[in-house]
N, C-alpha and C. Protein backbone atom coordinates (compact mmCIF):
# COMPACT_ATOMS: atom_id res chain seq x y z
N MET A 1 23.80 -26.85 29.41
CA MET A 1 22.79 -26.21 28.35
C MET A 1 23.72 -25.37 27.13
N THR A 2 23.46 -25.44 25.80
CA THR A 2 24.02 -24.64 24.79
C THR A 2 22.94 -23.50 24.96
N GLU A 3 23.50 -22.61 24.75
CA GLU A 3 23.28 -21.45 24.54
C GLU A 3 23.14 -20.91 22.43
N THR A 4 21.84 -20.38 22.43
CA THR A 4 21.79 -20.97 20.91
C THR A 4 21.41 -19.15 20.93
N THR A 5 21.57 -18.41 19.83
CA THR A 5 21.35 -16.78 19.43
C THR A 5 20.60 -17.22 17.89
N THR A 6 19.84 -16.04 17.48
CA THR A 6 19.33 -15.59 16.43
C THR A 6 20.20 -15.21 15.57
N PRO A 7 20.52 -15.37 14.42
CA PRO A 7 21.78 -14.56 13.73
C PRO A 7 20.91 -13.17 13.47
N ARG A 8 21.73 -12.29 13.55
CA ARG A 8 21.50 -10.97 13.29
C ARG A 8 21.12 -10.63 11.60
N PRO A 9 19.93 -9.96 11.05
CA PRO A 9 19.66 -9.55 9.69
C PRO A 9 20.74 -8.71 9.32
N ALA A 10 21.12 -9.02 7.83
CA ALA A 10 21.99 -8.32 7.22
C ALA A 10 21.81 -6.78 7.30
N GLU A 11 22.52 -5.79 7.43
CA GLU A 11 22.67 -4.50 7.61
C GLU A 11 21.74 -4.11 5.78
N PRO A 12 21.13 -2.99 6.07
CA PRO A 12 20.73 -2.45 4.95
C PRO A 12 22.19 -1.75 4.26
N LEU A 13 21.94 -1.75 2.68
CA LEU A 13 23.25 -1.51 2.07
C LEU A 13 22.82 -0.18 1.66
N ALA A 14 24.13 0.88 1.07
CA ALA A 14 23.86 1.61 0.23
C ALA A 14 24.09 1.56 -0.72
N ILE A 15 23.30 1.86 -1.81
CA ILE A 15 23.67 1.22 -3.33
C ILE A 15 23.42 2.46 -4.24
N GLY A 16 24.11 2.65 -4.99
CA GLY A 16 24.23 3.37 -6.10
C GLY A 16 23.73 3.06 -7.42
N VAL A 17 22.57 3.34 -7.89
CA VAL A 17 22.02 3.27 -8.96
C VAL A 17 22.65 4.07 -10.30
N LEU A 18 23.65 4.05 -11.44
CA LEU A 18 23.87 4.92 -12.15
C LEU A 18 22.95 4.92 -13.49
N GLY A 19 22.18 5.75 -13.91
CA GLY A 19 21.34 5.29 -15.06
C GLY A 19 19.97 4.77 -14.37
N ALA A 20 18.92 5.58 -14.26
CA ALA A 20 17.52 5.99 -14.17
C ALA A 20 16.50 5.72 -15.37
N GLY A 21 17.33 4.23 -15.71
CA GLY A 21 16.35 4.01 -17.03
C GLY A 21 15.65 2.73 -16.61
N ASN A 22 15.17 1.92 -17.88
CA ASN A 22 14.51 0.85 -17.63
C ASN A 22 14.91 -0.50 -16.66
N ILE A 23 16.21 -0.24 -16.52
CA ILE A 23 17.25 -1.12 -15.48
C ILE A 23 17.21 -0.49 -14.14
N GLY A 24 17.63 0.18 -14.15
CA GLY A 24 17.77 1.01 -13.16
C GLY A 24 16.67 1.41 -11.78
N ARG A 25 15.54 1.81 -12.76
CA ARG A 25 14.16 2.41 -12.19
C ARG A 25 13.50 1.00 -11.29
N PRO A 26 13.06 -0.13 -12.19
CA PRO A 26 12.39 -1.07 -11.00
C PRO A 26 13.95 -1.86 -10.20
N LEU A 27 14.71 -2.00 -10.59
CA LEU A 27 15.67 -2.52 -9.69
C LEU A 27 15.76 -1.96 -8.13
N GLY A 28 15.84 -0.14 -8.44
CA GLY A 28 16.21 0.43 -7.33
C GLY A 28 14.50 0.76 -6.58
N ARG A 29 13.60 0.35 -7.08
CA ARG A 29 12.33 0.22 -6.39
C ARG A 29 12.01 -0.96 -5.54
N HIS A 30 12.71 -2.11 -6.24
CA HIS A 30 12.77 -3.47 -5.54
C HIS A 30 13.96 -3.53 -4.20
N TRP A 31 14.93 -2.45 -4.04
CA TRP A 31 15.83 -2.39 -3.52
C TRP A 31 15.35 -1.87 -2.33
N LEU A 32 14.77 -1.04 -2.08
CA LEU A 32 14.17 0.46 -1.46
C LEU A 32 13.21 -0.83 -0.66
N ALA A 33 12.05 -1.35 -1.55
CA ALA A 33 11.07 -1.82 -0.68
C ALA A 33 12.03 -3.02 0.21
N ALA A 34 12.98 -3.57 -0.14
CA ALA A 34 13.85 -4.48 0.99
C ALA A 34 14.66 -3.65 2.04
N GLY A 35 14.73 -2.28 2.09
CA GLY A 35 14.66 -1.50 3.46
C GLY A 35 16.47 -1.23 2.88
N HIS A 36 16.93 -1.04 1.63
CA HIS A 36 18.68 -0.55 1.35
C HIS A 36 18.09 0.77 1.11
N ARG A 37 19.40 1.84 1.01
CA ARG A 37 19.03 2.99 0.73
C ARG A 37 19.38 2.80 -0.71
N VAL A 38 18.93 4.02 -1.46
CA VAL A 38 19.47 3.76 -3.13
C VAL A 38 19.26 5.59 -3.46
N THR A 39 20.71 5.72 -4.19
CA THR A 39 20.75 7.17 -4.68
C THR A 39 20.52 7.11 -5.97
N PHE A 40 19.72 7.75 -6.86
CA PHE A 40 19.89 7.13 -8.04
C PHE A 40 20.84 8.40 -8.91
N GLY A 41 21.83 8.18 -9.67
CA GLY A 41 23.09 9.22 -10.40
C GLY A 41 22.06 9.17 -11.55
N SER A 42 22.27 10.73 -12.13
CA SER A 42 22.15 11.11 -13.41
C SER A 42 22.72 12.36 -13.65
N ARG A 43 22.70 12.58 -15.05
CA ARG A 43 23.44 13.56 -15.66
C ARG A 43 22.74 15.08 -15.09
N ASP A 44 21.59 14.67 -14.76
CA ASP A 44 20.88 15.71 -14.29
C ASP A 44 19.68 15.28 -13.56
N PRO A 45 19.96 15.20 -12.49
CA PRO A 45 19.19 14.69 -11.33
C PRO A 45 17.50 15.46 -11.51
N GLY A 46 17.67 16.69 -11.68
CA GLY A 46 16.69 17.63 -10.84
C GLY A 46 15.82 16.57 -12.03
N ARG A 47 15.65 16.16 -13.43
CA ARG A 47 14.93 15.13 -13.90
C ARG A 47 14.20 14.31 -13.39
N LEU A 48 14.93 13.90 -12.18
CA LEU A 48 14.26 12.60 -11.44
C LEU A 48 13.48 12.76 -10.36
N ALA A 49 13.22 14.00 -9.99
CA ALA A 49 12.65 14.55 -8.97
C ALA A 49 11.20 13.89 -9.15
N SER A 50 10.55 13.85 -9.85
CA SER A 50 9.08 13.03 -10.05
C SER A 50 9.14 11.84 -9.91
N PHE A 51 9.73 11.18 -10.00
CA PHE A 51 10.15 10.11 -10.18
C PHE A 51 10.70 9.06 -8.48
N VAL A 52 11.73 10.32 -7.95
CA VAL A 52 12.55 9.71 -6.71
C VAL A 52 11.27 10.01 -5.55
N GLU A 53 10.83 10.95 -5.94
CA GLU A 53 9.88 11.78 -4.18
C GLU A 53 9.17 10.84 -3.69
N PRO A 54 7.86 10.18 -4.21
CA PRO A 54 7.06 9.17 -4.07
C PRO A 54 7.97 8.46 -3.42
N LEU A 55 9.51 8.19 -3.32
CA LEU A 55 9.83 6.53 -3.16
C LEU A 55 10.23 7.06 -1.41
N GLY A 56 10.24 7.97 -1.15
CA GLY A 56 10.23 8.04 0.16
C GLY A 56 11.94 8.33 0.94
N ASP A 57 12.31 8.30 1.99
CA ASP A 57 13.41 9.21 2.33
C ASP A 57 14.83 8.33 2.19
N ARG A 58 14.56 7.11 2.08
CA ARG A 58 15.93 6.52 1.62
C ARG A 58 15.80 6.78 0.01
N ALA A 59 15.28 7.19 -0.43
CA ALA A 59 15.66 7.18 -2.13
C ALA A 59 16.28 8.92 -2.47
N ARG A 60 17.21 9.21 -3.35
CA ARG A 60 17.06 10.58 -3.52
C ARG A 60 18.09 10.72 -4.53
N ALA A 61 18.16 11.65 -5.34
CA ALA A 61 18.78 11.34 -6.68
C ALA A 61 19.99 12.60 -6.53
N ALA A 62 20.98 11.81 -7.24
CA ALA A 62 22.17 13.01 -7.53
C ALA A 62 22.52 12.86 -8.78
N THR A 63 23.62 13.49 -8.65
CA THR A 63 25.20 13.43 -9.63
C THR A 63 25.57 11.73 -9.69
N TYR A 64 25.97 11.21 -10.83
CA TYR A 64 27.05 9.77 -11.10
C TYR A 64 27.95 10.19 -9.68
N ALA A 65 28.70 10.90 -10.11
CA ALA A 65 29.60 11.16 -8.82
C ALA A 65 29.23 10.71 -7.23
N GLU A 66 27.96 12.02 -7.31
CA GLU A 66 27.51 12.10 -5.59
C GLU A 66 26.95 10.69 -5.47
N ALA A 67 26.45 9.56 -6.24
CA ALA A 67 25.95 8.61 -5.96
C ALA A 67 26.70 7.51 -5.88
N VAL A 68 27.73 7.45 -6.30
CA VAL A 68 29.14 6.95 -6.08
C VAL A 68 29.86 6.35 -4.95
N GLY A 69 29.96 8.24 -4.39
CA GLY A 69 30.66 8.93 -3.09
C GLY A 69 29.36 8.34 -1.83
N ALA A 70 28.14 8.25 -2.30
CA ALA A 70 27.44 7.81 -1.42
C ALA A 70 26.91 5.97 -1.14
N SER A 71 28.04 5.36 -1.44
CA SER A 71 27.45 4.34 -1.94
C SER A 71 28.38 3.18 -1.82
N ASP A 72 28.05 1.95 -1.18
CA ASP A 72 29.02 0.65 -0.78
C ASP A 72 28.69 0.01 -1.91
N VAL A 73 27.74 -0.29 -2.85
CA VAL A 73 27.29 -0.84 -3.79
C VAL A 73 26.81 -0.47 -5.22
N VAL A 74 27.75 -0.45 -6.32
CA VAL A 74 27.38 0.75 -7.41
C VAL A 74 26.68 -0.59 -8.79
N LEU A 75 25.40 -0.26 -8.83
CA LEU A 75 24.91 -0.70 -10.43
C LEU A 75 25.08 -0.06 -11.47
N LEU A 76 25.63 -0.44 -12.59
CA LEU A 76 25.95 0.39 -13.75
C LEU A 76 24.79 -0.02 -14.75
N SER A 77 24.00 1.31 -15.00
CA SER A 77 22.79 0.64 -15.69
C SER A 77 22.54 1.84 -16.65
N VAL A 78 23.45 2.45 -17.35
CA VAL A 78 23.75 3.58 -18.18
C VAL A 78 23.64 2.88 -19.80
N PRO A 79 22.96 3.69 -20.55
CA PRO A 79 23.15 3.03 -22.23
C PRO A 79 24.06 2.48 -22.25
N HIS A 80 24.76 1.43 -22.77
CA HIS A 80 26.25 1.33 -23.46
C HIS A 80 26.66 2.17 -23.84
N PRO A 81 26.48 2.72 -25.23
CA PRO A 81 27.47 3.66 -25.70
C PRO A 81 28.01 4.76 -24.49
N ALA A 82 26.97 5.45 -23.76
CA ALA A 82 27.88 5.98 -22.56
C ALA A 82 28.51 5.37 -21.24
N LEU A 83 28.69 3.91 -21.61
CA LEU A 83 29.38 3.24 -20.58
C LEU A 83 31.31 3.68 -19.91
N ASP A 84 31.92 3.53 -21.34
CA ASP A 84 33.22 3.71 -21.52
C ASP A 84 33.70 5.12 -20.79
N GLU A 85 32.28 6.33 -21.42
CA GLU A 85 33.52 7.79 -20.90
C GLU A 85 32.89 7.56 -19.03
N LEU A 86 31.58 7.19 -18.80
CA LEU A 86 31.48 7.01 -17.44
C LEU A 86 32.32 6.48 -16.71
N LEU A 87 32.90 4.84 -17.03
CA LEU A 87 34.17 4.78 -16.52
C LEU A 87 35.33 5.24 -16.25
N ASP A 88 35.70 5.61 -17.44
CA ASP A 88 36.94 6.89 -17.41
C ASP A 88 36.56 7.89 -15.86
N ARG A 89 35.67 8.77 -15.94
CA ARG A 89 35.59 9.66 -15.34
C ARG A 89 35.48 8.93 -13.39
N LEU A 90 35.20 7.70 -13.38
CA LEU A 90 34.42 7.25 -11.88
C LEU A 90 35.53 6.08 -11.28
N ALA A 91 36.73 5.72 -12.48
CA ALA A 91 37.08 4.58 -12.34
C ALA A 91 38.05 4.79 -10.65
N ALA A 92 38.68 5.60 -10.42
CA ALA A 92 38.83 6.17 -8.88
C ALA A 92 38.12 6.30 -7.30
N PRO A 93 36.84 6.40 -7.83
CA PRO A 93 36.01 6.85 -6.76
C PRO A 93 34.87 5.37 -6.69
N LEU A 94 35.37 4.90 -8.09
CA LEU A 94 34.64 3.04 -7.89
C LEU A 94 35.96 2.33 -7.04
N ALA A 95 36.67 2.26 -6.80
CA ALA A 95 37.54 1.65 -6.17
C ALA A 95 37.52 1.31 -4.88
N GLY A 96 37.69 -0.20 -4.71
CA GLY A 96 36.79 -0.69 -3.34
C GLY A 96 35.35 -0.66 -3.41
N LYS A 97 34.66 -0.68 -4.02
CA LYS A 97 33.49 -0.92 -4.07
C LYS A 97 33.02 -2.53 -4.88
N THR A 98 31.93 -2.64 -4.31
CA THR A 98 31.32 -3.74 -5.55
C THR A 98 30.54 -3.18 -6.31
N VAL A 99 30.71 -3.37 -7.70
CA VAL A 99 30.43 -3.00 -8.98
C VAL A 99 29.38 -3.31 -9.92
N ILE A 100 27.92 -3.71 -10.09
CA ILE A 100 27.36 -4.87 -10.28
C ILE A 100 26.61 -3.99 -12.17
N ASP A 101 27.68 -4.77 -12.90
CA ASP A 101 27.27 -4.66 -14.55
C ASP A 101 26.24 -5.04 -15.07
N ALA A 102 25.16 -4.17 -15.56
CA ALA A 102 23.73 -4.51 -15.88
C ALA A 102 23.55 -4.41 -17.39
N THR A 103 24.87 -3.84 -18.01
CA THR A 103 25.11 -3.00 -18.92
C THR A 103 24.66 -3.97 -20.27
N SER A 104 24.38 -3.48 -21.53
CA SER A 104 24.34 -4.62 -22.62
C SER A 104 25.36 -4.32 -23.99
N PRO A 105 26.11 -4.70 -24.40
CA PRO A 105 26.77 -3.83 -25.33
C PRO A 105 26.30 -4.76 -27.08
N ILE A 106 24.53 -4.26 -26.88
CA ILE A 106 24.19 -5.17 -28.13
C ILE A 106 23.70 -5.02 -29.66
N GLY A 107 24.02 -5.41 -30.33
CA GLY A 107 24.00 -5.02 -31.66
C GLY A 107 23.56 -5.80 -32.37
N VAL A 108 23.45 -6.00 -33.59
CA VAL A 108 22.32 -7.10 -34.36
C VAL A 108 23.22 -7.56 -35.63
N SER A 109 23.47 -8.56 -35.88
CA SER A 109 23.98 -9.02 -37.19
C SER A 109 23.53 -8.44 -38.58
N GLU A 110 24.22 -9.00 -39.71
CA GLU A 110 23.47 -9.01 -40.82
C GLU A 110 22.17 -9.74 -41.21
N ASP A 111 22.45 -10.81 -40.46
CA ASP A 111 21.09 -11.88 -40.70
C ASP A 111 20.02 -11.79 -39.19
N GLY A 112 20.31 -10.44 -38.77
CA GLY A 112 18.89 -10.35 -38.01
C GLY A 112 19.09 -11.30 -36.39
N LEU A 113 20.64 -11.77 -36.00
CA LEU A 113 20.43 -12.17 -34.87
C LEU A 113 21.13 -10.84 -33.76
N PHE A 114 21.07 -10.93 -32.59
CA PHE A 114 21.67 -10.11 -31.47
C PHE A 114 23.23 -10.67 -31.43
N VAL A 115 23.84 -9.52 -31.62
CA VAL A 115 25.51 -9.92 -31.24
C VAL A 115 26.07 -8.95 -29.81
N SER A 116 27.27 -9.70 -29.50
CA SER A 116 27.96 -8.29 -28.62
C SER A 116 29.06 -7.29 -29.51
N LEU A 117 28.45 -6.10 -29.18
CA LEU A 117 29.66 -4.95 -30.19
C LEU A 117 31.28 -5.59 -29.85
N LEU A 118 31.43 -6.14 -28.60
CA LEU A 118 32.66 -6.32 -27.89
C LEU A 118 33.37 -7.40 -28.99
N GLY A 119 32.58 -7.81 -29.94
CA GLY A 119 33.46 -9.08 -30.53
C GLY A 119 33.94 -10.36 -29.87
N PRO A 120 33.57 -11.75 -30.25
CA PRO A 120 33.69 -13.14 -29.84
C PRO A 120 34.94 -12.62 -29.18
N GLY A 121 34.80 -13.87 -28.14
CA GLY A 121 35.80 -14.02 -27.34
C GLY A 121 36.42 -12.81 -25.88
N VAL A 122 35.55 -11.52 -25.87
CA VAL A 122 35.72 -10.75 -24.64
C VAL A 122 34.25 -10.70 -24.56
N THR A 123 34.15 -10.38 -23.15
CA THR A 123 32.97 -10.36 -22.55
C THR A 123 32.53 -9.07 -22.01
N ARG A 124 31.73 -8.80 -21.75
CA ARG A 124 31.26 -7.23 -20.75
C ARG A 124 32.02 -7.18 -19.37
N GLY A 125 31.61 -8.58 -18.64
CA GLY A 125 32.28 -8.42 -17.34
C GLY A 125 33.96 -8.49 -17.37
N SER A 126 34.54 -9.22 -17.93
CA SER A 126 35.77 -8.84 -18.43
C SER A 126 36.59 -7.63 -18.29
N ARG A 127 35.72 -7.40 -19.88
CA ARG A 127 36.02 -5.51 -20.12
C ARG A 127 35.95 -4.25 -19.06
N THR A 128 34.73 -4.63 -18.03
CA THR A 128 34.25 -3.73 -16.99
C THR A 128 35.39 -3.94 -16.04
N ALA A 129 35.86 -5.77 -15.40
CA ALA A 129 36.58 -5.50 -14.48
C ALA A 129 38.53 -4.69 -15.34
N GLU A 130 39.24 -4.92 -16.30
CA GLU A 130 39.66 -4.02 -16.93
C GLU A 130 39.77 -2.67 -16.50
N ARG A 131 38.83 -2.27 -16.73
CA ARG A 131 38.56 -0.82 -16.70
C ARG A 131 38.36 -0.34 -15.10
N LEU A 132 38.53 -1.75 -14.27
CA LEU A 132 38.00 -0.76 -13.17
C LEU A 132 39.05 -2.16 -12.19
N PRO A 133 40.30 -2.02 -12.23
CA PRO A 133 40.93 -3.12 -11.68
C PRO A 133 41.08 -2.64 -9.84
N ASP A 134 40.52 -1.77 -9.78
CA ASP A 134 40.19 -1.81 -7.86
C ASP A 134 39.17 -1.91 -7.23
N ALA A 135 38.33 -1.85 -8.42
CA ALA A 135 36.23 -2.45 -7.85
C ALA A 135 36.63 -4.14 -7.74
N CYS A 136 35.43 -4.53 -7.17
CA CYS A 136 35.11 -6.03 -7.38
C CYS A 136 33.94 -5.96 -8.10
N VAL A 137 34.10 -6.40 -9.38
CA VAL A 137 33.23 -6.71 -10.46
C VAL A 137 32.41 -7.72 -10.67
N ALA A 138 30.89 -7.74 -10.77
CA ALA A 138 30.06 -8.46 -10.76
C ALA A 138 29.09 -8.42 -12.44
N ARG A 139 28.57 -9.47 -12.63
CA ARG A 139 27.66 -9.12 -14.18
C ARG A 139 26.46 -10.01 -13.39
N ALA A 140 24.86 -9.07 -13.53
CA ALA A 140 23.61 -9.62 -12.93
C ALA A 140 22.73 -8.62 -13.87
N PHE A 141 21.49 -8.75 -14.17
CA PHE A 141 20.20 -8.32 -14.31
C PHE A 141 20.85 -7.96 -16.21
N THR A 142 21.42 -8.79 -16.94
CA THR A 142 21.45 -8.24 -18.25
C THR A 142 21.04 -8.98 -18.93
N HIS A 143 20.83 -10.54 -18.78
CA HIS A 143 19.62 -11.26 -20.00
C HIS A 143 18.39 -11.17 -19.60
N PHE A 144 17.37 -10.67 -18.94
CA PHE A 144 16.33 -10.56 -18.36
C PHE A 144 15.76 -9.69 -19.15
N PRO A 145 14.99 -9.82 -19.67
CA PRO A 145 14.19 -8.39 -20.35
C PRO A 145 13.76 -7.67 -19.56
N ASP A 146 14.24 -6.38 -19.40
CA ASP A 146 13.88 -5.37 -18.46
C ASP A 146 12.73 -4.58 -18.18
N GLU A 147 11.27 -4.83 -19.23
CA GLU A 147 9.88 -4.56 -19.16
C GLU A 147 9.60 -5.71 -17.95
N LEU A 148 10.36 -6.77 -17.46
CA LEU A 148 9.62 -7.56 -17.01
C LEU A 148 10.51 -7.53 -15.53
N LEU A 149 11.13 -6.87 -15.06
CA LEU A 149 12.07 -6.76 -14.13
C LEU A 149 11.04 -6.08 -12.89
N TRP A 150 10.06 -5.48 -12.97
CA TRP A 150 9.21 -5.65 -12.27
C TRP A 150 7.95 -6.11 -11.95
N SER A 151 7.57 -6.44 -12.60
CA SER A 151 6.77 -7.33 -12.70
C SER A 151 6.48 -8.94 -12.01
N ARG A 152 7.96 -9.22 -12.56
CA ARG A 152 8.27 -10.43 -12.32
C ARG A 152 8.78 -10.74 -10.93
N GLY A 153 9.36 -9.81 -10.35
CA GLY A 153 10.21 -9.59 -8.95
C GLY A 153 9.39 -9.34 -8.24
N THR A 154 8.07 -9.30 -8.68
CA THR A 154 6.80 -8.56 -7.38
C THR A 154 5.71 -9.52 -7.38
N GLN A 155 5.18 -10.06 -8.88
CA GLN A 155 4.18 -10.77 -8.71
C GLN A 155 4.36 -12.43 -8.51
N GLN A 156 5.92 -12.92 -8.94
CA GLN A 156 6.09 -13.89 -8.85
C GLN A 156 7.66 -14.30 -8.29
N ARG A 157 7.46 -13.35 -7.53
CA ARG A 157 9.16 -13.11 -6.34
C ARG A 157 9.65 -14.66 -5.68
N HIS A 158 10.94 -14.89 -6.40
CA HIS A 158 11.47 -16.19 -6.19
C HIS A 158 11.44 -16.90 -7.08
N PHE A 159 10.41 -17.13 -7.72
CA PHE A 159 9.88 -18.51 -9.19
C PHE A 159 11.39 -17.98 -10.18
N TRP A 160 11.51 -17.05 -10.93
CA TRP A 160 12.73 -16.91 -11.47
C TRP A 160 14.15 -16.59 -11.58
N GLY A 161 15.26 -17.28 -12.48
CA GLY A 161 16.53 -17.28 -12.13
C GLY A 161 16.97 -16.21 -12.87
N MET A 162 18.10 -15.57 -12.29
CA MET A 162 18.76 -14.67 -12.78
C MET A 162 20.04 -15.16 -12.68
N GLY A 163 21.01 -14.88 -13.85
CA GLY A 163 22.19 -15.46 -13.79
C GLY A 163 23.31 -14.35 -13.24
N THR A 164 24.43 -14.41 -12.83
CA THR A 164 25.15 -13.81 -12.30
C THR A 164 27.12 -14.47 -12.57
N ALA A 165 27.71 -13.64 -12.51
CA ALA A 165 29.23 -14.40 -12.73
C ALA A 165 30.26 -12.78 -12.21
N SER A 166 30.90 -13.70 -11.40
CA SER A 166 32.22 -12.91 -10.67
C SER A 166 33.38 -13.71 -10.33
N ASP A 167 34.03 -12.78 -10.58
CA ASP A 167 35.64 -13.72 -9.90
C ASP A 167 35.66 -13.19 -8.69
N ASP A 168 35.28 -12.70 -7.90
CA ASP A 168 35.60 -12.01 -6.38
C ASP A 168 34.62 -12.84 -5.56
N PRO A 169 34.79 -13.31 -4.46
CA PRO A 169 33.56 -14.44 -3.87
C PRO A 169 32.62 -13.11 -2.95
N ALA A 170 33.12 -12.02 -2.59
CA ALA A 170 32.57 -10.60 -1.86
C ALA A 170 31.51 -10.64 -2.47
N ALA A 171 31.86 -9.99 -4.17
CA ALA A 171 30.88 -9.26 -4.82
C ALA A 171 30.02 -10.23 -5.33
N ARG A 172 30.46 -11.18 -5.42
CA ARG A 172 29.40 -12.73 -5.46
C ARG A 172 28.17 -12.46 -4.52
N GLU A 173 28.70 -12.59 -3.13
CA GLU A 173 28.02 -12.47 -2.32
C GLU A 173 27.06 -11.60 -2.70
N VAL A 174 27.32 -10.17 -2.41
CA VAL A 174 26.46 -9.09 -2.02
C VAL A 174 25.61 -8.82 -3.50
N THR A 175 26.07 -9.52 -4.53
CA THR A 175 25.14 -9.58 -6.11
C THR A 175 24.12 -10.45 -5.51
N GLU A 176 24.57 -11.79 -5.87
CA GLU A 176 23.43 -12.72 -4.99
C GLU A 176 22.29 -12.56 -4.31
N ARG A 177 22.68 -11.46 -3.15
CA ARG A 177 21.79 -10.66 -2.05
C ARG A 177 20.77 -9.71 -2.82
N LEU A 178 21.31 -9.14 -3.61
CA LEU A 178 20.95 -8.07 -4.27
C LEU A 178 20.05 -8.70 -5.54
N VAL A 179 20.30 -9.99 -5.74
CA VAL A 179 19.38 -10.82 -6.66
C VAL A 179 18.22 -10.92 -6.08
N HIS A 180 18.28 -11.68 -4.98
CA HIS A 180 17.38 -12.18 -4.13
C HIS A 180 16.63 -11.24 -3.80
N ASP A 181 17.11 -10.09 -3.48
CA ASP A 181 16.15 -8.45 -2.93
C ASP A 181 15.56 -8.10 -3.97
N ALA A 182 15.91 -8.49 -5.05
CA ALA A 182 14.92 -7.92 -6.11
C ALA A 182 13.90 -8.91 -6.56
N GLY A 183 13.68 -10.18 -5.83
CA GLY A 183 12.68 -11.14 -6.02
C GLY A 183 13.33 -12.17 -7.26
N PHE A 184 14.63 -12.41 -7.59
CA PHE A 184 14.58 -13.46 -8.67
C PHE A 184 15.55 -14.26 -7.53
N VAL A 185 16.15 -15.36 -8.27
CA VAL A 185 16.90 -16.64 -7.68
C VAL A 185 18.04 -16.46 -8.82
N PRO A 186 19.25 -16.01 -7.95
CA PRO A 186 20.55 -16.06 -8.31
C PRO A 186 21.28 -17.55 -8.56
N VAL A 187 21.59 -17.35 -10.12
CA VAL A 187 22.17 -18.54 -10.86
C VAL A 187 23.54 -18.63 -11.21
N HIS A 188 24.42 -18.75 -10.47
CA HIS A 188 25.74 -18.51 -10.67
C HIS A 188 26.53 -19.17 -11.70
N LEU A 189 27.18 -18.45 -13.07
CA LEU A 189 27.69 -19.00 -14.26
C LEU A 189 29.04 -19.24 -14.16
N GLY A 190 29.91 -18.94 -12.84
CA GLY A 190 31.37 -18.86 -12.66
C GLY A 190 31.94 -17.06 -12.95
N GLY A 191 33.62 -17.08 -13.19
CA GLY A 191 33.75 -15.89 -13.74
C GLY A 191 33.34 -15.10 -14.39
N LEU A 192 34.24 -14.04 -14.84
CA LEU A 192 33.49 -13.23 -15.75
C LEU A 192 34.26 -13.42 -17.25
N ARG A 193 35.18 -14.03 -17.04
CA ARG A 193 35.42 -14.86 -18.47
C ARG A 193 34.49 -16.01 -18.91
N GLU A 194 33.50 -16.42 -17.86
CA GLU A 194 32.67 -17.76 -18.23
C GLU A 194 31.36 -16.76 -18.40
N SER A 195 31.47 -15.18 -18.68
CA SER A 195 30.23 -14.77 -18.51
C SER A 195 29.14 -14.67 -19.93
N ALA A 196 29.67 -15.13 -20.63
CA ALA A 196 29.37 -14.99 -22.40
C ALA A 196 28.06 -15.43 -22.05
N PRO A 197 27.49 -16.16 -21.60
CA PRO A 197 25.78 -16.57 -21.86
C PRO A 197 24.83 -15.30 -21.50
N LEU A 198 25.60 -14.78 -20.39
CA LEU A 198 24.67 -13.26 -20.05
C LEU A 198 24.72 -12.00 -21.43
N ASP A 199 25.69 -12.46 -22.16
CA ASP A 199 26.23 -11.11 -23.28
C ASP A 199 24.99 -10.92 -24.18
N PRO A 200 24.90 -10.19 -25.21
CA PRO A 200 24.04 -10.49 -26.42
C PRO A 200 24.80 -11.66 -27.42
N GLY A 201 23.77 -12.54 -27.66
CA GLY A 201 23.89 -13.62 -28.46
C GLY A 201 24.27 -14.97 -27.76
N GLY A 202 24.70 -14.52 -26.08
CA GLY A 202 24.81 -15.51 -25.44
C GLY A 202 23.45 -16.50 -25.32
N VAL A 203 23.61 -17.88 -25.22
CA VAL A 203 22.45 -18.80 -24.63
C VAL A 203 21.56 -18.10 -23.81
N LEU A 204 22.05 -17.07 -22.63
CA LEU A 204 20.75 -16.78 -21.80
C LEU A 204 20.22 -15.40 -22.16
N PHE A 205 20.67 -14.96 -23.61
CA PHE A 205 20.18 -13.43 -23.37
C PHE A 205 18.72 -13.25 -23.85
N GLY A 206 18.20 -12.68 -23.11
CA GLY A 206 16.46 -12.62 -23.64
C GLY A 206 15.91 -13.80 -22.65
N TYR A 207 16.57 -14.58 -22.32
CA TYR A 207 15.83 -16.33 -21.59
C TYR A 207 14.99 -15.61 -20.74
N VAL A 208 13.90 -16.18 -20.59
CA VAL A 208 13.31 -16.36 -18.99
C VAL A 208 13.08 -17.62 -18.65
N SER A 209 13.61 -18.11 -17.35
CA SER A 209 13.44 -19.29 -17.45
C SER A 209 13.26 -19.36 -15.67
N THR A 210 13.28 -20.58 -15.10
CA THR A 210 13.17 -21.20 -13.63
C THR A 210 14.92 -21.22 -13.32
N PRO A 211 15.25 -21.31 -11.95
CA PRO A 211 16.79 -21.53 -11.98
C PRO A 211 17.34 -22.70 -12.77
N ALA A 212 16.57 -23.93 -12.76
CA ALA A 212 16.73 -25.37 -13.18
C ALA A 212 16.86 -25.20 -14.70
N GLY A 213 15.94 -24.09 -15.51
CA GLY A 213 15.95 -23.68 -17.01
C GLY A 213 17.30 -23.20 -17.31
N LEU A 214 17.75 -21.96 -16.46
CA LEU A 214 18.82 -21.65 -16.57
C LEU A 214 20.23 -22.12 -16.65
N ARG A 215 20.26 -23.10 -15.86
CA ARG A 215 20.92 -24.30 -15.70
C ARG A 215 21.53 -25.18 -16.75
N ALA A 216 20.32 -25.32 -17.12
CA ALA A 216 20.26 -26.51 -18.50
C ALA A 216 20.74 -25.46 -19.76
N ALA A 217 20.19 -24.65 -19.68
CA ALA A 217 20.18 -23.29 -21.24
C ALA A 217 21.70 -23.36 -20.84
N ALA A 218 22.40 -23.04 -19.59
CA ALA A 218 24.06 -22.72 -19.92
C ALA A 218 24.45 -24.08 -19.49
N ALA A 219 24.23 -24.99 -19.43
CA ALA A 219 24.95 -26.72 -19.48
C ALA A 219 25.78 -26.28 -18.06
N LEU A 220 25.28 -26.04 -17.08
CA LEU A 220 25.72 -26.02 -15.73
C LEU A 220 25.93 -27.37 -15.41
């Protein structure tokens, strides 16, 4: 007789959310509901007290550096103009961690179209990986309208697709798990150099659809 065992559930993750704004707050709440521990990093942690206290004992506010030190996975959700300075300060503490970059280098062209401030041929994911050579970088939560992250991830769980990209298999696995735990279905686009559809001006930027719809739009 062959003995079978039930797979053990994955252990909760320690997640640092750098930037508790329109992206970081709803995602942090989703991940707390999924059983993870979340440290919300801020320049001024005291300003987050009224937000964090009702979330329970698995949530806390801290400085950016403290949030990184307490976490295995880090979400970058600060405003894009603040990103480079933050990466300069935290490159060493972020070494060895999975970093999910959810920032958007968003600009508007003279004819009113969204464009990437990084210019053609450069993706935000690749640029972040260059700045963090010892971290495992992924892209996610970048194309989906931030005002819908909470409602679509709670009221219509696992119906909407969420584009992701990573060069590292382990980072991809963690990112796809957290996309699922936030209530979405991950749609992997490929490596970071192939992640232009997720950046401003990309074919998926601002696009909300099913997983099949994302794959069709990105010509996967």
